[in-house]
Amino acid sequence: MSDDRPPRVLPSPSGPSAELHAHWANGELRLQRCRACSTWQHPPRYRCAACGSTDYEWALSAGRGRVFSWTITHRPVDPSFEVPYAVVVVELDEGPRLVGNLDGIDNGDLALDLPVVVALERVSDTIGLVSFRPA
């Protein structure tokens, strides 16, 4: 990224999303897992999407998954990104799907089921962002 680009647009999380980003800022890929039915879920919410329970934990994910879908962005909404770049949907081994940038690969080498690992970026004490790189 060149120095003359504007700063990156960051989320302003609240509620369970604030807890999620704080874990990520601490370098831990934690996601909600229901204590009643053991279902992993993302994005975070107050009730389990599978059973409706309000009893959940912030469980540590292994951070491994496969590319489920992607798009190559040629005109960024956020001008801090240099184009073209890949935005991927990754299905983690635990089940939830996360969205983020894919680094360390030419866009032409993207493929369904490409094995990837999560890379967390600490932006502040309360904000962590997720991206991916080939496994």
C-alpha atoms as a PDB file:
ATOM      1  CA  MET A   1       0.000   0.000   0.000  1.00  0.00           C
ATOM      2  CA  SER A   2       1.428   3.383  -0.940  1.00  0.00           C
ATOM      3  CA  ASP A   3       1.871   6.091   1.695  1.00  0.00           C
ATOM      4  CA  ASP A   4      -0.433   8.583  -0.042  1.00  0.00           C
ATOM      5  CA  ARG A   5      -3.537   6.402   0.359  1.00  0.00           C
ATOM      6  CA  PRO A   6      -6.132   7.341   2.965  1.00  0.00           C
ATOM      7  CA  PRO A   7      -6.350   5.318   6.188  1.00  0.00           C
ATOM      8  CA  ARG A   8      -8.354   2.103   6.051  1.00  0.00           C
ATOM      9  CA  VAL A   9     -12.039   2.213   7.003  1.00  0.00           C
ATOM     10  CA  LEU A  10     -12.452   0.250  10.241  1.00  0.00           C
ATOM     11  CA  PRO A  11     -15.490  -1.320  11.890  1.00  0.00           C
ATOM     12  CA  SER A  12     -17.156   0.227  14.929  1.00  0.00           C
ATOM     13  CA  PRO A  13     -18.327  -2.941  16.635  1.00  0.00           C
ATOM     14  CA  SER A  14     -20.742  -3.146  19.545  1.00  0.00           C
ATOM     15  CA  GLY A  15     -22.251  -5.993  21.542  1.00  0.00           C
ATOM     16  CA  PRO A  16     -20.942  -9.456  20.664  1.00  0.00           C
ATOM     17  CA  SER A  17     -19.077  -8.051  17.641  1.00  0.00           C
ATOM     18  CA  ALA A  18     -16.990  -5.897  19.994  1.00  0.00           C
ATOM     19  CA  GLU A  19     -16.009  -9.024  21.952  1.00  0.00           C
ATOM     20  CA  LEU A  20     -15.108 -10.793  18.703  1.00  0.00           C
ATOM     21  CA  HIS A  21     -12.842  -7.978  17.502  1.00  0.00           C
ATOM     22  CA  ALA A  22     -11.177  -7.726  20.922  1.00  0.00           C
ATOM     23  CA  HIS A  23     -10.250 -11.430  20.784  1.00  0.00           C
ATOM     24  CA  TRP A  24      -8.900 -10.958  17.263  1.00  0.00           C
ATOM     25  CA  ALA A  25      -6.924  -7.887  18.405  1.00  0.00           C
ATOM     26  CA  ASN A  26      -5.309 -10.150  21.030  1.00  0.00           C
ATOM     27  CA  GLY A  27      -4.244 -12.564  18.289  1.00  0.00           C
ATOM     28  CA  GLU A  28      -6.854 -15.222  19.081  1.00  0.00           C
ATOM     29  CA  LEU A  29      -9.298 -16.448  16.457  1.00  0.00           C
ATOM     30  CA  ARG A  30     -12.186 -16.987  18.825  1.00  0.00           C
ATOM     31  CA  LEU A  31     -15.733 -17.533  17.592  1.00  0.00           C
ATOM     32  CA  GLN A  32     -18.967 -18.193  19.392  1.00  0.00           C
ATOM     33  CA  ARG A  33     -19.866 -21.806  20.108  1.00  0.00           C
ATOM     34  CA  CYS A  34     -23.165 -22.750  21.697  1.00  0.00           C
ATOM     35  CA  ARG A  35     -22.787 -24.636  24.970  1.00  0.00           C
ATOM     36  CA  ALA A  36     -26.214 -26.246  24.545  1.00  0.00           C
ATOM     37  CA  CYS A  37     -25.756 -27.790  21.067  1.00  0.00           C
ATOM     38  CA  SER A  38     -22.021 -27.191  20.295  1.00  0.00           C
ATOM     39  CA  THR A  39     -22.789 -25.283  17.070  1.00  0.00           C
ATOM     40  CA  TRP A  40     -20.148 -22.754  15.999  1.00  0.00           C
ATOM     41  CA  GLN A  41     -21.552 -19.494  14.711  1.00  0.00           C
ATOM     42  CA  HIS A  42     -20.457 -16.385  12.890  1.00  0.00           C
ATOM     43  CA  PRO A  43     -21.311 -13.560  12.840  1.00  0.00           C
ATOM     44  CA  PRO A  44     -21.719 -13.369  16.620  1.00  0.00           C
ATOM     45  CA  ARG A  45     -25.201 -13.026  18.047  1.00  0.00           C
ATOM     46  CA  TYR A  46     -27.027 -13.157  21.345  1.00  0.00           C
ATOM     47  CA  ARG A  47     -28.812 -16.454  20.599  1.00  0.00           C
ATOM     48  CA  CYS A  48     -27.690 -19.634  18.901  1.00  0.00           C
ATOM     49  CA  ALA A  49     -29.005 -19.778  15.338  1.00  0.00           C
ATOM     50  CA  ALA A  50     -29.434 -23.565  15.633  1.00  0.00           C
ATOM     51  CA  CYS A  51     -31.214 -24.004  18.978  1.00  0.00           C
ATOM     52  CA  GLY A  52     -31.958 -20.515  20.334  1.00  0.00           C
ATOM     53  CA  SER A  53     -29.855 -20.907  23.480  1.00  0.00           C
ATOM     54  CA  THR A  54     -28.263 -17.833  25.049  1.00  0.00           C
ATOM     55  CA  ASP A  55     -25.476 -19.946  26.609  1.00  0.00           C
ATOM     56  CA  TYR A  56     -22.360 -19.602  24.459  1.00  0.00           C
ATOM     57  CA  GLU A  57     -18.596 -19.471  24.819  1.00  0.00           C
ATOM     58  CA  TRP A  58     -15.801 -17.813  22.842  1.00  0.00           C
ATOM     59  CA  ALA A  59     -14.031 -20.935  21.592  1.00  0.00           C
ATOM     60  CA  LEU A  60     -10.617 -20.926  19.942  1.00  0.00           C
ATOM     61  CA  SER A  61     -10.693 -21.902  16.267  1.00  0.00           C
ATOM     62  CA  ALA A  62      -7.789 -23.707  14.607  1.00  0.00           C
ATOM     63  CA  GLY A  63      -7.885 -21.036  11.877  1.00  0.00           C
ATOM     64  CA  ARG A  64      -7.785 -23.447   8.962  1.00  0.00           C
ATOM     65  CA  GLY A  65     -10.297 -23.725   6.159  1.00  0.00           C
ATOM     66  CA  ARG A  66     -10.988 -23.759   2.433  1.00  0.00           C
ATOM     67  CA  VAL A  67     -12.037 -21.112  -0.073  1.00  0.00           C
ATOM     68  CA  PHE A  68     -15.801 -21.390  -0.503  1.00  0.00           C
ATOM     69  CA  SER A  69     -16.233 -18.425  -2.872  1.00  0.00           C
ATOM     70  CA  TRP A  70     -14.442 -15.260  -3.956  1.00  0.00           C
ATOM     71  CA  THR A  71     -14.545 -12.104  -5.986  1.00  0.00           C
ATOM     72  CA  ILE A  72     -11.768 -10.040  -7.513  1.00  0.00           C
ATOM     73  CA  THR A  73     -12.284  -6.366  -6.743  1.00  0.00           C
ATOM     74  CA  HIS A  74     -11.201  -3.901  -9.418  1.00  0.00           C
ATOM     75  CA  ARG A  75     -12.878  -0.744  -8.054  1.00  0.00           C
ATOM     76  CA  PRO A  76     -12.547  -0.605  -4.275  1.00  0.00           C
ATOM     77  CA  VAL A  77     -15.157   0.909  -1.999  1.00  0.00           C
ATOM     78  CA  ASP A  78     -12.304   1.658   0.412  1.00  0.00           C
ATOM     79  CA  PRO A  79      -9.646   3.699  -1.444  1.00  0.00           C
ATOM     80  CA  SER A  80      -6.926   2.481   0.936  1.00  0.00           C
ATOM     81  CA  PHE A  81      -6.786  -0.826  -0.971  1.00  0.00           C
ATOM     82  CA  GLU A  82      -4.718  -1.292  -4.091  1.00  0.00           C
ATOM     83  CA  VAL A  83      -6.583  -3.068  -6.883  1.00  0.00           C
ATOM     84  CA  PRO A  84      -7.082  -5.709  -7.968  1.00  0.00           C
ATOM     85  CA  TYR A  85      -7.477  -7.723  -4.774  1.00  0.00           C
ATOM     86  CA  ALA A  86      -9.298 -10.902  -3.825  1.00  0.00           C
ATOM     87  CA  VAL A  87     -12.050 -11.026  -1.224  1.00  0.00           C
ATOM     88  CA  VAL A  88     -12.769 -14.599  -0.211  1.00  0.00           C
ATOM     89  CA  VAL A  89     -15.408 -16.460   1.740  1.00  0.00           C
ATOM     90  CA  VAL A  90     -13.642 -19.184   3.696  1.00  0.00           C
ATOM     91  CA  GLU A  91     -15.405 -22.091   5.331  1.00  0.00           C
ATOM     92  CA  LEU A  92     -13.441 -22.919   8.466  1.00  0.00           C
ATOM     93  CA  ASP A  93     -12.894 -26.533   9.481  1.00  0.00           C
ATOM     94  CA  GLU A  94     -15.264 -25.884  12.409  1.00  0.00           C
ATOM     95  CA  GLY A  95     -18.045 -24.824  10.016  1.00  0.00           C
ATOM     96  CA  PRO A  96     -18.522 -21.040  10.145  1.00  0.00           C
ATOM     97  CA  ARG A  97     -17.705 -18.925   7.117  1.00  0.00           C
ATOM     98  CA  LEU A  98     -15.560 -15.791   7.352  1.00  0.00           C
ATOM     99  CA  VAL A  99     -14.955 -13.068   4.773  1.00  0.00           C
ATOM    100  CA  GLY A 100     -11.594 -11.405   4.274  1.00  0.00           C
ATOM    101  CA  ASN A 101      -8.795 -10.585   1.895  1.00  0.00           C
ATOM    102  CA  LEU A 102      -6.552 -13.307   0.506  1.00  0.00           C
ATOM    103  CA  ASP A 103      -2.845 -12.458   0.509  1.00  0.00           C
ATOM    104  CA  GLY A 104       0.193 -14.298  -0.796  1.00  0.00           C
ATOM    105  CA  ILE A 105      -1.286 -15.665  -4.008  1.00  0.00           C
ATOM    106  CA  ASP A 106      -1.839 -14.400  -7.543  1.00  0.00           C
ATOM    107  CA  ASN A 107      -5.522 -13.811  -8.189  1.00  0.00           C
ATOM    108  CA  GLY A 108      -5.355 -16.126 -11.200  1.00  0.00           C
ATOM    109  CA  ASP A 109      -4.351 -19.010  -8.902  1.00  0.00           C
ATOM    110  CA  LEU A 110      -7.543 -18.861  -6.826  1.00  0.00           C
ATOM    111  CA  ALA A 111      -9.557 -22.076  -6.782  1.00  0.00           C
ATOM    112  CA  LEU A 112     -12.508 -23.561  -4.938  1.00  0.00           C
ATOM    113  CA  ASP A 113     -11.437 -25.577  -1.902  1.00  0.00           C
ATOM    114  CA  LEU A 114      -7.994 -23.925  -1.839  1.00  0.00           C
ATOM    115  CA  PRO A 115      -6.639 -24.642   1.674  1.00  0.00           C
ATOM    116  CA  VAL A 116      -6.003 -21.421   3.624  1.00  0.00           C
ATOM    117  CA  VAL A 117      -5.051 -20.288   7.104  1.00  0.00           C
ATOM    118  CA  VAL A 118      -6.240 -17.230   8.984  1.00  0.00           C
ATOM    119  CA  ALA A 119      -3.952 -14.262   9.549  1.00  0.00           C
ATOM    120  CA  LEU A 120      -5.100 -11.782  12.195  1.00  0.00           C
ATOM    121  CA  GLU A 121      -4.162  -8.117  11.975  1.00  0.00           C
ATOM    122  CA  ARG A 122      -4.131  -6.079  15.181  1.00  0.00           C
ATOM    123  CA  VAL A 123      -5.321  -2.578  14.319  1.00  0.00           C
ATOM    124  CA  SER A 124      -5.805  -1.344  17.897  1.00  0.00           C
ATOM    125  CA  ASP A 125      -6.376  -2.676  21.410  1.00  0.00           C
ATOM    126  CA  THR A 126     -10.017  -3.338  20.502  1.00  0.00           C
ATOM    127  CA  ILE A 127      -9.988  -4.048  16.769  1.00  0.00           C
ATOM    128  CA  GLY A 128      -8.556  -7.076  15.015  1.00  0.00           C
ATOM    129  CA  LEU A 129      -9.187  -7.921  11.375  1.00  0.00           C
ATOM    130  CA  VAL A 130      -9.093 -11.258   9.614  1.00  0.00           C
ATOM    131  CA  SER A 131      -7.404 -12.105   6.326  1.00  0.00           C
ATOM    132  CA  PHE A 132      -6.185 -15.341   4.788  1.00  0.00           C
ATOM    133  CA  ARG A 133      -3.125 -16.826   3.120  1.00  0.00           C
ATOM    134  CA  PRO A 134      -2.597 -20.147   1.342  1.00  0.00           C
ATOM    135  CA  ALA A 135      -1.923 -23.057   3.712  1.00  0.00           C
END
